[in-house]
Structure formats: structure tokens, C-alpha cells
């Protein structure tokens, strides 16, 4: 089972292979949302972009079309930015949240 390290929150969680990163984090009382967006967000529908995380280490699938559309300007600056609500965990990851 993959281990996800939330490096800026100094926590690690073990998740099922194929788990959604956002849902796995919330289940373990970790937030992928900064500030007020912990309450005001699209609930994982890739509409708001507030669950953006940086994949520091580990293998993930390329961004899907929804992520490409929502993050197009940010991906140009940092191709490791992803939406936690669209990310399937298949491998150990190191993640930076609240970016």
C-alpha cells in the first residue's frame, strides 16, 4: 500500500492503491485546502482549483483534461502541480499542500 508524505504538515498516511488523494487526506484529518477554502471549495469536482498540491516525489499519471484547463497557467511555471481531487495514488508520494 502506498505511503503519502505531506511534507509541510509533517504527516504520513498509508492509502489503498487507487485511492483519491483528496479523499484519503480528508479521511485522515489532513487538509489539502488553504485558509477559508477548507470550507468554501467545490467538494472534489475540479471546479475551483483550491486543492492544488505539488508532487515533490513519486510517480503520478499526467494531468487529465479538467486539471489542464483549471491549472494551465500554474502548470507552465511548475509541471508538478496537481489537483488533489483528480489525483489517483498508485505509488508512494511526497506532497506539498497549501501552495
PDB file of N, CA and C in Angstrom:
ATOM      1  N   UNK A   1       0.843  -1.172   0.000  1.00  0.00           N
ATOM      2  CA  UNK A   1       0.000   0.000   0.000  1.00  0.00           C
ATOM      3  C   UNK A   1       0.896   1.247   0.000  1.00  0.00           C
ATOM      4  N   UNK A   2       0.549   2.217  -0.834  1.00  0.00           N
ATOM      5  CA  UNK A   2       1.360   3.426  -0.931  1.00  0.00           C
ATOM      6  C   UNK A   2       1.325   4.278   0.341  1.00  0.00           C
ATOM      7  N   UNK A   3       2.433   4.948   0.575  1.00  0.00           N
ATOM      8  CA  UNK A   3       2.549   5.895   1.681  1.00  0.00           C
ATOM      9  C   UNK A   3       2.626   7.288   1.080  1.00  0.00           C
ATOM     10  N   UNK A   4       1.776   8.187   1.577  1.00  0.00           N
ATOM     11  CA  UNK A   4       1.776   9.573   1.118  1.00  0.00           C
ATOM     12  C   UNK A   4       2.312  10.431   2.252  1.00  0.00           C
ATOM     13  N   UNK A   5       3.402  11.145   1.970  1.00  0.00           N
ATOM     14  CA  UNK A   5       4.006  12.050   2.950  1.00  0.00           C
ATOM     15  C   UNK A   5       3.572  13.472   2.630  1.00  0.00           C
ATOM     16  N   UNK A   6       2.922  14.105   3.575  1.00  0.00           N
ATOM     17  CA  UNK A   6       2.535  15.509   3.451  1.00  0.00           C
ATOM     18  C   UNK A   6       3.646  16.304   4.117  1.00  0.00           C
ATOM     19  N   UNK A   7       4.634  16.716   3.322  1.00  0.00           N
ATOM     20  CA  UNK A   7       5.891  17.199   3.888  1.00  0.00           C
ATOM     21  C   UNK A   7       5.748  18.477   4.694  1.00  0.00           C
ATOM     22  N   UNK A   8       4.886  19.396   4.286  1.00  0.00           N
ATOM     23  CA  UNK A   8       4.772  20.629   5.064  1.00  0.00           C
ATOM     24  C   UNK A   8       3.842  20.468   6.275  1.00  0.00           C
ATOM     25  N   UNK A   9       3.114  19.359   6.335  1.00  0.00           N
ATOM     26  CA  UNK A   9       2.279  19.080   7.505  1.00  0.00           C
ATOM     27  C   UNK A   9       2.934  18.030   8.409  1.00  0.00           C
ATOM     28  N   UNK A  10       4.086  17.509   7.955  1.00  0.00           N
ATOM     29  CA  UNK A  10       4.879  16.542   8.726  1.00  0.00           C
ATOM     30  C   UNK A  10       4.058  15.324   9.155  1.00  0.00           C
ATOM     31  N   UNK A  11       3.292  14.788   8.182  1.00  0.00           N
ATOM     32  CA  UNK A  11       2.484  13.598   8.436  1.00  0.00           C
ATOM     33  C   UNK A  11       2.603  12.637   7.269  1.00  0.00           C
ATOM     34  N   UNK A  12       2.486  11.364   7.566  1.00  0.00           N
ATOM     35  CA  UNK A  12       2.453  10.319   6.552  1.00  0.00           C
ATOM     36  C   UNK A  12       1.200   9.489   6.765  1.00  0.00           C
ATOM     37  N   UNK A  13       0.599   9.095   5.644  1.00  0.00           N
ATOM     38  CA  UNK A  13      -0.567   8.218   5.720  1.00  0.00           C
ATOM     39  C   UNK A  13      -0.383   7.072   4.738  1.00  0.00           C
ATOM     40  N   UNK A  14      -0.937   5.949   5.063  1.00  0.00           N
ATOM     41  CA  UNK A  14      -0.941   4.794   4.171  1.00  0.00           C
ATOM     42  C   UNK A  14      -2.319   4.721   3.538  1.00  0.00           C
ATOM     43  N   UNK A  15      -2.351   4.565   2.210  1.00  0.00           N
ATOM     44  CA  UNK A  15      -3.628   4.549   1.487  1.00  0.00           C
ATOM     45  C   UNK A  15      -3.709   3.316   0.606  1.00  0.00           C
ATOM     46  N   UNK A  16      -4.897   2.970   0.229  1.00  0.00           N
ATOM     47  CA  UNK A  16      -5.105   1.890  -0.734  1.00  0.00           C
ATOM     48  C   UNK A  16      -4.616   2.336  -2.103  1.00  0.00           C
ATOM     49  N   UNK A  17      -4.048   1.450  -2.859  1.00  0.00           N
ATOM     50  CA  UNK A  17      -3.676   1.761  -4.231  1.00  0.00           C
ATOM     51  C   UNK A  17      -4.943   2.122  -4.996  1.00  0.00           C
ATOM     52  N   UNK A  18      -4.903   3.243  -5.711  1.00  0.00           N
ATOM     53  CA  UNK A  18      -6.069   3.712  -6.455  1.00  0.00           C
ATOM     54  C   UNK A  18      -6.929   4.703  -5.693  1.00  0.00           C
ATOM     55  N   UNK A  19      -6.531   5.028  -4.465  1.00  0.00           N
ATOM     56  CA  UNK A  19      -7.308   5.989  -3.672  1.00  0.00           C
ATOM     57  C   UNK A  19      -7.175   7.392  -4.247  1.00  0.00           C
ATOM     58  N   UNK A  20      -8.198   8.184  -4.048  1.00  0.00           N
ATOM     59  CA  UNK A  20      -8.176   9.589  -4.432  1.00  0.00           C
ATOM     60  C   UNK A  20      -7.426  10.355  -3.347  1.00  0.00           C
ATOM     61  N   UNK A  21      -6.458  11.192  -3.741  1.00  0.00           N
ATOM     62  CA  UNK A  21      -5.615  11.894  -2.770  1.00  0.00           C
ATOM     63  C   UNK A  21      -6.430  12.795  -1.851  1.00  0.00           C
ATOM     64  N   UNK A  22      -7.349  13.570  -2.392  1.00  0.00           N
ATOM     65  CA  UNK A  22      -8.167  14.473  -1.577  1.00  0.00           C
ATOM     66  C   UNK A  22      -8.968  13.705  -0.533  1.00  0.00           C
ATOM     67  N   UNK A  23      -9.640  12.657  -0.971  1.00  0.00           N
ATOM     68  CA  UNK A  23     -10.472  11.876  -0.064  1.00  0.00           C
ATOM     69  C   UNK A  23      -9.641  11.181   1.011  1.00  0.00           C
ATOM     70  N   UNK A  24      -8.477  10.661   0.628  1.00  0.00           N
ATOM     71  CA  UNK A  24      -7.600   9.987   1.590  1.00  0.00           C
ATOM     72  C   UNK A  24      -7.100  10.970   2.640  1.00  0.00           C
ATOM     73  N   UNK A  25      -6.741  12.178   2.213  1.00  0.00           N
ATOM     74  CA  UNK A  25      -6.257  13.189   3.151  1.00  0.00           C
ATOM     75  C   UNK A  25      -7.364  13.584   4.127  1.00  0.00           C
ATOM     76  N   UNK A  26      -8.544  13.852   3.616  1.00  0.00           N
ATOM     77  CA  UNK A  26      -9.660  14.257   4.474  1.00  0.00           C
ATOM     78  C   UNK A  26     -10.005  13.158   5.482  1.00  0.00           C
ATOM     79  N   UNK A  27      -9.959  11.925   5.032  1.00  0.00           N
ATOM     80  CA  UNK A  27     -10.250  10.786   5.914  1.00  0.00           C
ATOM     81  C   UNK A  27      -9.284  10.748   7.103  1.00  0.00           C
ATOM     82  N   UNK A  28      -8.055  11.193   6.875  1.00  0.00           N
ATOM     83  CA  UNK A  28      -7.032  11.198   7.935  1.00  0.00           C
ATOM     84  C   UNK A  28      -6.890  12.566   8.609  1.00  0.00           C
ATOM     85  N   UNK A  29      -7.877  13.429   8.429  1.00  0.00           N
ATOM     86  CA  UNK A  29      -7.910  14.756   9.048  1.00  0.00           C
ATOM     87  C   UNK A  29      -6.741  15.642   8.633  1.00  0.00           C
ATOM     88  N   UNK A  30      -6.339  15.511   7.378  1.00  0.00           N
ATOM     89  CA  UNK A  30      -5.344  16.384   6.769  1.00  0.00           C
ATOM     90  C   UNK A  30      -6.064  17.270   5.770  1.00  0.00           C
ATOM     91  N   UNK A  31      -5.635  18.501   5.666  1.00  0.00           N
ATOM     92  CA  UNK A  31      -6.288  19.409   4.731  1.00  0.00           C
ATOM     93  C   UNK A  31      -5.415  19.644   3.506  1.00  0.00           C
ATOM     94  N   UNK A  32      -6.026  19.558   2.346  1.00  0.00           N
ATOM     95  CA  UNK A  32      -5.345  19.940   1.116  1.00  0.00           C
ATOM     96  C   UNK A  32      -5.732  21.357   0.718  1.00  0.00           C
ATOM     97  N   UNK A  33      -6.578  21.994   1.534  1.00  0.00           N
ATOM     98  CA  UNK A  33      -7.074  23.334   1.238  1.00  0.00           C
ATOM     99  C   UNK A  33      -6.429  24.377   2.139  1.00  0.00           C
ATOM    100  N   UNK A  34      -6.047  25.526   1.588  1.00  0.00           N
ATOM    101  CA  UNK A  34      -5.543  26.611   2.424  1.00  0.00           C
ATOM    102  C   UNK A  34      -6.686  27.470   2.965  1.00  0.00           C
ATOM    103  N   UNK A  35      -6.495  27.986   4.144  1.00  0.00           N
ATOM    104  CA  UNK A  35      -7.331  29.033   4.737  1.00  0.00           C
ATOM    105  C   UNK A  35      -8.830  28.753   4.646  1.00  0.00           C
ATOM    106  N   UNK A  36      -9.572  29.725   4.183  1.00  0.00           N
ATOM    107  CA  UNK A  36     -11.020  29.671   4.105  1.00  0.00           C
ATOM    108  C   UNK A  36     -11.528  28.586   3.152  1.00  0.00           C
ATOM    109  N   UNK A  37     -10.675  28.154   2.246  1.00  0.00           N
ATOM    110  CA  UNK A  37     -11.092  27.154   1.267  1.00  0.00           C
ATOM    111  C   UNK A  37     -11.309  25.777   1.892  1.00  0.00           C
ATOM    112  N   UNK A  38     -10.955  25.620   3.171  1.00  0.00           N
ATOM    113  CA  UNK A  38     -11.285  24.383   3.870  1.00  0.00           C
ATOM    114  C   UNK A  38     -12.799  24.219   3.947  1.00  0.00           C
ATOM    115  N   UNK A  39     -13.499  25.345   3.919  1.00  0.00           N
ATOM    116  CA  UNK A  39     -14.964  25.340   3.975  1.00  0.00           C
ATOM    117  C   UNK A  39     -15.559  25.623   2.597  1.00  0.00           C
ATOM    118  N   UNK A  40     -14.996  26.597   1.902  1.00  0.00           N
ATOM    119  CA  UNK A  40     -15.518  27.012   0.600  1.00  0.00           C
ATOM    120  C   UNK A  40     -14.695  26.381  -0.525  1.00  0.00           C
ATOM    121  N   UNK A  41     -15.160  25.249  -1.009  1.00  0.00           N
ATOM    122  CA  UNK A  41     -14.494  24.578  -2.115  1.00  0.00           C
ATOM    123  C   UNK A  41     -15.529  23.790  -2.906  1.00  0.00           C
ATOM    124  N   UNK A  42     -15.126  23.222  -3.995  1.00  0.00           N
ATOM    125  CA  UNK A  42     -16.089  22.553  -4.892  1.00  0.00           C
ATOM    126  C   UNK A  42     -16.335  21.086  -4.528  1.00  0.00           C
ATOM    127  N   UNK A  43     -15.790  20.640  -3.399  1.00  0.00           N
ATOM    128  CA  UNK A  43     -16.018  19.271  -2.913  1.00  0.00           C
ATOM    129  C   UNK A  43     -15.515  18.194  -3.870  1.00  0.00           C
ATOM    130  N   UNK A  44     -14.404  18.478  -4.542  1.00  0.00           N
ATOM    131  CA  UNK A  44     -13.766  17.457  -5.363  1.00  0.00           C
ATOM    132  C   UNK A  44     -14.244  17.373  -6.793  1.00  0.00           C
ATOM    133  N   UNK A  45     -14.852  18.420  -7.305  1.00  0.00           N
ATOM    134  CA  UNK A  45     -15.366  18.406  -8.670  1.00  0.00           C
ATOM    135  C   UNK A  45     -14.464  19.121  -9.671  1.00  0.00           C
ATOM    136  N   UNK A  46     -13.259  19.472  -9.254  1.00  0.00           N
ATOM    137  CA  UNK A  46     -12.244  20.149 -10.086  1.00  0.00           C
ATOM    138  C   UNK A  46     -12.738  21.466 -10.680  1.00  0.00           C
ATOM    139  N   UNK A  47     -13.602  22.154  -9.963  1.00  0.00           N
ATOM    140  CA  UNK A  47     -14.131  23.429 -10.439  1.00  0.00           C
ATOM    141  C   UNK A  47     -13.375  24.630  -9.881  1.00  0.00           C
ATOM    142  N   UNK A  48     -12.853  24.510  -8.665  1.00  0.00           N
ATOM    143  CA  UNK A  48     -12.278  25.696  -8.010  1.00  0.00           C
ATOM    144  C   UNK A  48     -10.755  25.748  -8.057  1.00  0.00           C
ATOM    145  N   UNK A  49     -10.090  24.629  -8.055  1.00  0.00           N
ATOM    146  CA  UNK A  49      -8.629  24.608  -8.089  1.00  0.00           C
ATOM    147  C   UNK A  49      -7.969  24.854  -6.750  1.00  0.00           C
ATOM    148  N   UNK A  50      -8.732  24.924  -5.661  1.00  0.00           N
ATOM    149  CA  UNK A  50      -8.149  25.242  -4.358  1.00  0.00           C
ATOM    150  C   UNK A  50      -7.446  24.065  -3.701  1.00  0.00           C
ATOM    151  N   UNK A  51      -7.597  22.875  -4.237  1.00  0.00           N
ATOM    152  CA  UNK A  51      -6.917  21.704  -3.674  1.00  0.00           C
ATOM    153  C   UNK A  51      -5.607  21.412  -4.411  1.00  0.00           C
ATOM    154  N   UNK A  52      -5.066  22.412  -5.071  1.00  0.00           N
ATOM    155  CA  UNK A  52      -3.805  22.227  -5.798  1.00  0.00           C
ATOM    156  C   UNK A  52      -2.696  21.841  -4.829  1.00  0.00           C
ATOM    157  N   UNK A  53      -1.937  20.839  -5.206  1.00  0.00           N
ATOM    158  CA  UNK A  53      -0.795  20.372  -4.426  1.00  0.00           C
ATOM    159  C   UNK A  53       0.397  20.239  -5.367  1.00  0.00           C
ATOM    160  N   UNK A  54       1.575  20.198  -4.785  1.00  0.00           N
ATOM    161  CA  UNK A  54       2.786  19.955  -5.570  1.00  0.00           C
ATOM    162  C   UNK A  54       3.277  18.551  -5.269  1.00  0.00           C
ATOM    163  N   UNK A  55       3.492  17.776  -6.319  1.00  0.00           N
ATOM    164  CA  UNK A  55       4.052  16.439  -6.165  1.00  0.00           C
ATOM    165  C   UNK A  55       5.569  16.600  -6.147  1.00  0.00           C
ATOM    166  N   UNK A  56       6.161  16.418  -4.990  1.00  0.00           N
ATOM    167  CA  UNK A  56       7.597  16.617  -4.809  1.00  0.00           C
ATOM    168  C   UNK A  56       8.360  15.370  -5.227  1.00  0.00           C
ATOM    169  N   UNK A  57       7.802  14.190  -4.924  1.00  0.00           N
ATOM    170  CA  UNK A  57       8.443  12.933  -5.305  1.00  0.00           C
ATOM    171  C   UNK A  57       7.373  11.870  -5.497  1.00  0.00           C
ATOM    172  N   UNK A  58       7.644  10.947  -6.405  1.00  0.00           N
ATOM    173  CA  UNK A  58       6.719   9.862  -6.683  1.00  0.00           C
ATOM    174  C   UNK A  58       6.144   9.971  -8.078  1.00  0.00           C
ATOM    175  N   UNK A  59       5.603   8.872  -8.550  1.00  0.00           N
ATOM    176  CA  UNK A  59       5.054   8.794  -9.900  1.00  0.00           C
ATOM    177  C   UNK A  59       3.541   8.964  -9.871  1.00  0.00           C
ATOM    178  N   UNK A  60       3.049   9.828 -10.750  1.00  0.00           N
ATOM    179  CA  UNK A  60       1.608  10.038 -10.907  1.00  0.00           C
ATOM    180  C   UNK A  60       1.283  10.087 -12.395  1.00  0.00           C
ATOM    181  N   UNK A  61       0.034   9.823 -12.716  1.00  0.00           N
ATOM    182  CA  UNK A  61      -0.407   9.933 -14.106  1.00  0.00           C
ATOM    183  C   UNK A  61      -0.352  11.395 -14.536  1.00  0.00           C
ATOM    184  N   UNK A  62      -0.260  11.652 -15.838  1.00  0.00           N
ATOM    185  CA  UNK A  62      -0.287  13.038 -16.319  1.00  0.00           C
ATOM    186  C   UNK A  62      -1.623  13.706 -15.969  1.00  0.00           C
ATOM    187  N   UNK A  63      -1.632  15.034 -15.889  1.00  0.00           N
ATOM    188  CA  UNK A  63      -2.884  15.740 -15.590  1.00  0.00           C
ATOM    189  C   UNK A  63      -3.970  15.423 -16.623  1.00  0.00           C
ATOM    190  N   UNK A  64      -5.191  15.228 -16.141  1.00  0.00           N
ATOM    191  CA  UNK A  64      -6.303  14.986 -17.060  1.00  0.00           C
ATOM    192  C   UNK A  64      -6.768  16.314 -17.663  1.00  0.00           C
ATOM    193  N   UNK A  65      -7.734  16.259 -18.538  1.00  0.00           N
ATOM    194  CA  UNK A  65      -8.211  17.466 -19.229  1.00  0.00           C
ATOM    195  C   UNK A  65      -8.751  18.515 -18.269  1.00  0.00           C
ATOM    196  N   UNK A  66      -9.448  18.083 -17.223  1.00  0.00           N
ATOM    197  CA  UNK A  66     -10.009  19.032 -16.260  1.00  0.00           C
ATOM    198  C   UNK A  66      -8.900  19.778 -15.525  1.00  0.00           C
ATOM    199  N   UNK A  67      -7.855  19.035 -15.145  1.00  0.00           N
ATOM    200  CA  UNK A  67      -6.713  19.669 -14.482  1.00  0.00           C
ATOM    201  C   UNK A  67      -5.989  20.616 -15.430  1.00  0.00           C
ATOM    202  N   UNK A  68      -5.794  20.173 -16.663  1.00  0.00           N
ATOM    203  CA  UNK A  68      -5.122  21.010 -17.659  1.00  0.00           C
ATOM    204  C   UNK A  68      -5.845  22.351 -17.792  1.00  0.00           C
ATOM    205  N   UNK A  69      -7.158  22.298 -17.855  1.00  0.00           N
ATOM    206  CA  UNK A  69      -7.944  23.522 -18.033  1.00  0.00           C
ATOM    207  C   UNK A  69      -7.869  24.421 -16.792  1.00  0.00           C
ATOM    208  N   UNK A  70      -7.984  23.838 -15.620  1.00  0.00           N
ATOM    209  CA  UNK A  70      -8.007  24.622 -14.385  1.00  0.00           C
ATOM    210  C   UNK A  70      -6.620  25.161 -14.009  1.00  0.00           C
ATOM    211  N   UNK A  71      -5.570  24.412 -14.328  1.00  0.00           N
ATOM    212  CA  UNK A  71      -4.223  24.762 -13.872  1.00  0.00           C
ATOM    213  C   UNK A  71      -3.282  25.229 -14.981  1.00  0.00           C
ATOM    214  N   UNK A  72      -3.805  25.555 -16.147  1.00  0.00           N
ATOM    215  CA  UNK A  72      -2.935  25.788 -17.303  1.00  0.00           C
ATOM    216  C   UNK A  72      -1.820  26.791 -17.041  1.00  0.00           C
ATOM    217  N   UNK A  73      -2.086  27.909 -16.396  1.00  0.00           N
ATOM    218  CA  UNK A  73      -1.036  28.894 -16.129  1.00  0.00           C
ATOM    219  C   UNK A  73      -0.053  28.409 -15.070  1.00  0.00           C
ATOM    220  N   UNK A  74      -0.557  27.728 -14.060  1.00  0.00           N
ATOM    221  CA  UNK A  74       0.316  27.221 -12.999  1.00  0.00           C
ATOM    222  C   UNK A  74       1.190  26.077 -13.488  1.00  0.00           C
ATOM    223  N   UNK A  75       0.678  25.243 -14.384  1.00  0.00           N
ATOM    224  CA  UNK A  75       1.460  24.126 -14.911  1.00  0.00           C
ATOM    225  C   UNK A  75       2.635  24.601 -15.752  1.00  0.00           C
ATOM    226  N   UNK A  76       2.498  25.759 -16.386  1.00  0.00           N
ATOM    227  CA  UNK A  76       3.607  26.313 -17.160  1.00  0.00           C
ATOM    228  C   UNK A  76       4.777  26.650 -16.247  1.00  0.00           C
ATOM    229  N   UNK A  77       4.477  27.146 -15.058  1.00  0.00           N
ATOM    230  CA  UNK A  77       5.512  27.514 -14.092  1.00  0.00           C
ATOM    231  C   UNK A  77       6.058  26.299 -13.342  1.00  0.00           C
ATOM    232  N   UNK A  78       5.176  25.353 -13.025  1.00  0.00           N
ATOM    233  CA  UNK A  78       5.577  24.172 -12.266  1.00  0.00           C
ATOM    234  C   UNK A  78       4.754  22.976 -12.736  1.00  0.00           C
ATOM    235  N   UNK A  79       5.336  22.091 -13.528  1.00  0.00           N
ATOM    236  CA  UNK A  79       4.587  20.943 -14.053  1.00  0.00           C
ATOM    237  C   UNK A  79       4.221  19.904 -12.994  1.00  0.00           C
ATOM    238  N   UNK A  80       4.680  20.092 -11.769  1.00  0.00           N
ATOM    239  CA  UNK A  80       4.378  19.147 -10.697  1.00  0.00           C
ATOM    240  C   UNK A  80       3.137  19.523  -9.895  1.00  0.00           C
ATOM    241  N   UNK A  81       2.445  20.578 -10.307  1.00  0.00           N
ATOM    242  CA  UNK A  81       1.209  20.994  -9.635  1.00  0.00           C
ATOM    243  C   UNK A  81       0.071  20.097 -10.124  1.00  0.00           C
ATOM    244  N   UNK A  82      -0.733  19.641  -9.174  1.00  0.00           N
ATOM    245  CA  UNK A  82      -1.881  18.791  -9.498  1.00  0.00           C
ATOM    246  C   UNK A  82      -3.058  19.149  -8.609  1.00  0.00           C
ATOM    247  N   UNK A  83      -4.242  18.770  -9.022  1.00  0.00           N
ATOM    248  CA  UNK A  83      -5.432  18.901  -8.184  1.00  0.00           C
ATOM    249  C   UNK A  83      -5.584  17.612  -7.382  1.00  0.00           C
ATOM    250  N   UNK A  84      -5.595  17.727  -6.063  1.00  0.00           N
ATOM    251  CA  UNK A  84      -5.718  16.542  -5.215  1.00  0.00           C
ATOM    252  C   UNK A  84      -7.009  15.791  -5.497  1.00  0.00           C
ATOM    253  N   UNK A  85      -8.057  16.511  -5.885  1.00  0.00           N
ATOM    254  CA  UNK A  85      -9.350  15.869  -6.139  1.00  0.00           C
ATOM    255  C   UNK A  85      -9.340  15.012  -7.401  1.00  0.00           C
ATOM    256  N   UNK A  86      -8.345  15.183  -8.253  1.00  0.00           N
ATOM    257  CA  UNK A  86      -8.272  14.431  -9.501  1.00  0.00           C
ATOM    258  C   UNK A  86      -7.132  13.419  -9.509  1.00  0.00           C
ATOM    259  N   UNK A  87      -6.391  13.327  -8.421  1.00  0.00           N
ATOM    260  CA  UNK A  87      -5.183  12.515  -8.384  1.00  0.00           C
ATOM    261  C   UNK A  87      -5.442  11.147  -7.772  1.00  0.00           C
ATOM    262  N   UNK A  88      -5.101  10.116  -8.506  1.00  0.00           N
ATOM    263  CA  UNK A  88      -5.193   8.747  -8.021  1.00  0.00           C
ATOM    264  C   UNK A  88      -3.815   8.321  -7.531  1.00  0.00           C
ATOM    265  N   UNK A  89      -3.754   7.827  -6.305  1.00  0.00           N
ATOM    266  CA  UNK A  89      -2.488   7.409  -5.708  1.00  0.00           C
ATOM    267  C   UNK A  89      -2.185   5.977  -6.132  1.00  0.00           C
ATOM    268  N   UNK A  90      -1.057   5.811  -6.817  1.00  0.00           N
ATOM    269  CA  UNK A  90      -0.641   4.482  -7.265  1.00  0.00           C
ATOM    270  C   UNK A  90       0.718   4.088  -6.717  1.00  0.00           C
ATOM    271  N   UNK A  91       1.428   5.071  -6.133  1.00  0.00           N
ATOM    272  CA  UNK A  91       2.801   4.874  -5.693  1.00  0.00           C
ATOM    273  C   UNK A  91       3.034   5.750  -4.467  1.00  0.00           C
ATOM    274  N   UNK A  92       4.134   5.501  -3.763  1.00  0.00           N
ATOM    275  CA  UNK A  92       4.496   6.395  -2.665  1.00  0.00           C
ATOM    276  C   UNK A  92       4.676   7.806  -3.213  1.00  0.00           C
ATOM    277  N   UNK A  93       4.205   8.783  -2.445  1.00  0.00           N
ATOM    278  CA  UNK A  93       4.276  10.182  -2.874  1.00  0.00           C
ATOM    279  C   UNK A  93       4.761  11.077  -1.744  1.00  0.00           C
ATOM    280  N   UNK A  94       5.439  12.142  -2.135  1.00  0.00           N
ATOM    281  CA  UNK A  94       5.701  13.255  -1.243  1.00  0.00           C
ATOM    282  C   UNK A  94       4.949  14.436  -1.818  1.00  0.00           C
ATOM    283  N   UNK A  95       4.123  15.052  -0.981  1.00  0.00           N
ATOM    284  CA  UNK A  95       3.203  16.092  -1.433  1.00  0.00           C
ATOM    285  C   UNK A  95       3.386  17.350  -0.587  1.00  0.00           C
ATOM    286  N   UNK A  96       3.381  18.497  -1.254  1.00  0.00           N
ATOM    287  CA  UNK A  96       3.373  19.793  -0.553  1.00  0.00           C
ATOM    288  C   UNK A  96       1.976  20.378  -0.763  1.00  0.00           C
ATOM    289  N   UNK A  97       1.295  20.689   0.329  1.00  0.00           N
ATOM    290  CA  UNK A  97      -0.054  21.250   0.260  1.00  0.00           C
ATOM    291  C   UNK A  97      -0.024  22.747   0.517  1.00  0.00           C
ATOM    292  N   UNK A  98      -1.186  23.367   0.326  1.00  0.00           N
ATOM    293  CA  UNK A  98      -1.380  24.799   0.601  1.00  0.00           C
ATOM    294  C   UNK A  98      -0.446  25.669  -0.211  1.00  0.00           C
ATOM    295  N   UNK A  99      -0.356  25.368  -1.498  1.00  0.00           N
ATOM    296  CA  UNK A  99       0.556  26.119  -2.374  1.00  0.00           C
ATOM    297  C   UNK A  99      -0.176  27.235  -3.089  1.00  0.00           C
TER     298      UNK A  99
END
